[in-house]
Protein backbone atom coordinates (compact mmCIF):
# COMPACT_ATOMS: atom_id res chain seq x y z
CA MET A 1 228.01 58.91 182.01
CA THR A 2 224.33 59.01 181.21
CA LEU A 3 221.81 61.36 179.63
CA ILE A 4 219.35 61.08 182.50
CA THR A 5 217.38 64.05 181.15
CA LEU A 6 216.40 61.71 178.30
CA THR A 7 216.28 58.32 180.00
CA ASN A 8 214.42 59.50 183.11
CA PRO A 9 213.11 63.03 182.56
CA ARG A 10 210.85 62.96 185.64
CA SER A 11 213.65 62.11 188.07
CA PRO A 12 214.88 64.57 190.73
CA VAL A 13 218.24 64.68 188.95
CA SER A 14 216.61 65.76 185.68
CA GLU A 15 214.66 68.40 187.57
CA ALA A 16 217.94 69.63 189.06
CA TYR A 17 219.31 70.13 185.55
CA ARG A 18 216.20 72.11 184.62
CA THR A 19 216.72 74.22 187.74
CA LEU A 20 220.30 74.87 186.65
CA ARG A 21 218.98 75.93 183.23
CA THR A 22 216.53 78.32 184.88
CA ASN A 23 219.19 79.77 187.19
CA LEU A 24 221.50 80.44 184.25
CA SER A 25 218.64 82.13 182.39
CA PHE A 26 217.80 84.38 185.33
CA TYR A 27 221.47 85.16 185.91
CA SER A 28 221.71 86.73 182.48
CA LEU A 29 218.31 88.35 181.93
CA ASP A 30 219.74 91.69 180.80
CA ASN A 31 222.60 90.21 178.81
CA PRO A 32 221.73 86.59 177.84
CA LEU A 33 224.52 84.03 177.87
CA ARG A 34 225.28 82.79 174.39
CA SER A 35 228.56 80.94 174.94
CA LEU A 36 229.49 79.01 178.08
CA VAL A 37 232.38 76.74 179.05
CA VAL A 38 231.64 73.94 181.52
CA THR A 39 234.69 72.58 183.32
CA SER A 40 235.79 71.14 186.64
CA ALA A 41 238.65 71.60 189.06
CA ALA A 42 240.11 68.11 188.59
CA PRO A 43 239.39 65.03 186.43
CA ASP A 44 236.39 62.72 186.86
CA GLU A 45 234.10 65.20 188.61
CA GLY A 46 231.17 64.97 186.19
CA LYS A 47 231.70 67.96 183.91
CA SER A 48 230.94 66.12 180.65
CA THR A 49 227.78 64.57 182.04
CA THR A 50 226.73 67.97 183.39
CA VAL A 51 227.27 69.89 180.16
CA ALA A 52 225.55 67.20 178.07
CA ASN A 53 222.43 67.11 180.26
CA LEU A 54 222.40 70.89 180.49
CA ALA A 55 222.52 71.05 176.68
CA VAL A 56 219.54 68.68 176.46
CA THR A 57 217.45 70.81 178.83
CA MET A 58 218.41 74.01 177.02
CA ALA A 59 217.31 72.52 173.70
CA GLN A 60 214.10 71.20 175.24
CA SER A 61 213.25 74.76 176.26
CA GLY A 62 213.32 75.77 172.60
CA ARG A 63 216.79 77.31 172.40
CA LYS A 64 218.85 76.22 169.40
CA THR A 65 221.86 74.71 171.15
CA ILE A 66 225.25 73.53 169.93
CA LEU A 67 227.31 71.33 172.24
CA VAL A 68 231.04 71.34 171.49
CA ASP A 69 233.54 68.78 172.77
CA CYS A 70 236.65 70.84 173.50
CA ASP A 71 238.15 68.26 175.82
CA LEU A 72 240.63 67.41 173.11
CA ARG A 73 242.69 65.20 175.42
CA ARG A 74 239.85 62.92 176.61
CA PRO A 75 236.85 63.48 174.32
CA SER A 76 233.71 61.64 175.35
CA LEU A 77 230.59 63.39 174.08
CA HIS A 78 230.49 61.45 170.80
CA THR A 79 230.29 58.23 172.84
CA LEU A 80 227.57 59.64 175.08
CA PHE A 81 225.41 60.58 172.07
CA ASN A 82 226.46 57.48 170.08
CA LEU A 83 227.77 59.51 167.14
CA PRO A 84 230.95 59.17 165.02
CA ASN A 85 234.00 61.36 165.63
CA THR A 86 235.79 61.29 162.30
CA ALA A 87 235.46 65.05 161.82
CA GLY A 88 234.62 67.74 164.33
CA PHE A 89 235.94 70.78 166.15
CA THR A 90 239.60 70.34 165.20
CA THR A 91 238.61 69.90 161.56
CA MET A 92 236.81 73.23 161.67
CA VAL A 93 239.75 75.02 163.32
CA LEU A 94 242.37 73.70 160.90
CA ASP A 95 240.38 74.31 157.70
CA GLU A 96 238.40 77.53 157.51
CA ASN A 97 236.83 76.33 154.26
CA ALA A 98 235.57 73.09 155.76
CA ALA A 99 231.83 72.66 156.15
CA VAL A 100 230.76 72.94 159.78
CA PRO A 101 230.64 69.25 160.82
CA LEU A 102 227.66 69.54 163.14
CA GLN A 103 225.73 66.36 163.87
CA LYS A 104 222.05 66.31 164.74
CA THR A 105 221.21 64.54 167.97
CA GLU A 106 217.97 62.78 168.87
CA VAL A 107 216.94 65.93 170.75
CA ASP A 108 215.15 68.65 168.78
CA ASP A 109 217.20 71.87 168.57
CA LEU A 110 220.41 70.18 169.79
CA TRP A 111 223.49 69.63 167.62
CA LEU A 112 226.85 68.14 168.61
CA LEU A 113 230.24 69.23 167.35
CA THR A 114 232.51 66.37 168.34
CA SER A 115 236.19 66.92 169.13
CA GLY A 116 237.50 65.61 165.83
CA PRO A 117 241.03 64.17 165.43
CA LYS A 118 243.26 64.76 168.47
CA PRO A 119 245.79 67.58 167.95
CA PRO A 120 249.32 67.63 169.40
CA ASN A 121 248.80 71.06 170.99
CA PRO A 122 245.25 71.49 172.38
CA ALA A 123 245.91 74.68 174.39
CA ASP A 124 247.55 76.43 171.44
CA MET A 125 244.62 75.48 169.21
CA LEU A 126 242.05 76.79 171.70
CA GLY A 127 243.95 80.05 172.10
CA SER A 128 244.40 80.71 168.37
CA ARG A 129 242.70 83.38 166.28
CA GLN A 130 241.10 80.55 164.29
CA MET A 131 239.23 79.70 167.49
CA ASP A 132 237.62 83.13 167.46
CA ARG A 133 236.40 82.43 163.94
CA VAL A 134 234.96 79.08 164.97
CA ILE A 135 233.08 80.56 167.94
CA ALA A 136 231.66 83.33 165.76
CA ALA A 137 230.54 80.82 163.12
CA LEU A 138 228.83 78.63 165.72
CA LEU A 139 227.04 81.58 167.30
CA GLN A 140 225.57 82.44 163.91
CA GLN A 141 223.83 79.07 163.89
CA ALA A 142 222.59 78.79 167.47
CA ASP A 143 221.10 80.64 170.40
CA LEU A 144 223.55 79.02 172.79
CA VAL A 145 226.92 77.29 172.39
CA LEU A 146 228.12 75.08 175.27
CA PHE A 147 231.75 73.92 175.45
CA ASP A 148 233.04 70.92 177.39
CA ALA A 149 236.59 71.77 178.48
CA PRO A 150 239.31 69.87 180.40
CA PRO A 151 239.77 70.36 184.17
CA VAL A 152 241.24 73.72 185.20
CA VAL A 153 243.94 72.47 187.57
CA ALA A 154 245.18 69.74 185.20
CA VAL A 155 245.80 71.82 182.04
CA THR A 156 245.39 75.39 180.75
CA ASP A 157 242.78 74.60 178.07
CA ALA A 158 239.69 75.72 180.02
CA VAL A 159 241.32 79.01 181.02
CA VAL A 160 242.36 79.80 177.45
CA LEU A 161 238.90 78.96 176.12
CA GLY A 162 237.09 80.65 179.00
CA ALA A 163 238.65 83.98 178.09
CA LYS A 164 236.94 83.81 174.67
CA VAL A 165 233.35 83.12 175.81
CA ASP A 166 230.68 84.76 177.97
CA GLY A 167 231.59 82.77 181.07
CA VAL A 168 232.58 79.55 182.79
CA LEU A 169 230.50 77.16 184.91
CA LEU A 170 232.61 75.19 187.38
CA VAL A 171 231.52 71.66 188.32
CA ILE A 172 232.28 70.44 191.84
CA SER A 173 231.70 66.81 192.92
CA ALA A 174 230.35 66.29 196.45
CA GLY A 175 232.66 64.11 198.53
CA LYS A 176 235.29 63.99 195.79
CA THR A 177 236.52 67.45 194.83
CA ARG A 178 239.33 68.51 197.13
CA ARG A 179 238.86 71.92 198.71
CA ASP A 180 242.33 73.04 197.68
CA HIS A 181 241.67 72.00 194.08
CA ALA A 182 238.42 73.98 194.00
CA GLU A 183 240.09 77.05 195.48
CA LYS A 184 243.03 76.78 193.09
CA ALA A 185 240.69 76.46 190.09
CA LYS A 186 238.83 79.60 191.18
CA GLN A 187 242.09 81.50 191.62
CA ILE A 188 243.42 80.40 188.21
CA LEU A 189 240.24 81.49 186.43
CA GLU A 190 240.04 84.82 188.26
CA LYS A 191 243.72 85.59 187.62
CA ALA A 192 243.05 85.15 183.90
CA ASN A 193 240.03 87.49 184.16
CA VAL A 194 237.69 84.68 183.18
CA ARG A 195 234.09 85.34 184.19
CA ILE A 196 232.91 82.61 186.57
CA ILE A 197 229.15 82.34 186.10
CA GLY A 198 228.74 79.97 189.02
CA VAL A 199 229.42 76.58 190.54
CA THR A 200 227.23 73.48 190.28
CA LEU A 201 227.40 70.50 192.62
CA THR A 202 227.31 66.94 191.30
CA ASN A 203 227.04 63.66 193.17
CA ALA A 204 225.02 65.29 195.95
CA PRO A 205 223.15 62.97 198.37
CA LYS A 206 219.58 62.26 197.30
CA ASP A 207 216.86 64.10 199.22
CA ASN A 208 214.34 61.33 199.88
CA SER A 209 211.73 63.88 200.98
CA LEU A 210 211.17 64.69 197.28
CA GLY A 211 210.48 61.09 196.29
CA ASP A 212 206.70 61.16 196.68
CA TYR A 213 206.38 64.38 194.69
CA TYR A 214 208.29 63.03 191.70
CA GLY A 215 206.82 59.53 191.91
């Protein structure tokens, strides 16, 4: 995983993330998205990298953004941002009197809420009424809250969380995501009445025709 929007902001990949940011903004002109889950159909399809780079571009546009690691089974965002994970999301859910353990990143207007200690029952935690309180508290402090959630086909976490936010962005990996997994993920989300905002493709072949333009 890499934060290419920071390490190489002029690259075609970084521009693709900015395009995704723009598309999401246009999608919700009349009713702006304020909370969004990013997930994938199956494991290792680039969802965490996608949500992290999307969060960077959102913050760079001037929107106060909170990135939340809700992949409580395989948390990774604290590693990506090189931040500790002693307290985080689970701390906030379990103790309503706890201070919100947000951590400032190197990007202006971007804060990270790491996963915190691993719970024995992630899906139950995400579906609890305490989760509603956490989402409301985070929205009071930011223009946009982005959640990294586990793959849809593997576990129920993303579906449970998706029902509590404005929508879900599904990440598909070119040449890797199986068609049946993608279709099953879509069916699972729709059956739960989760609003699918759209699908974004990762690992797409590079278009060399753009090379000269981006230098």
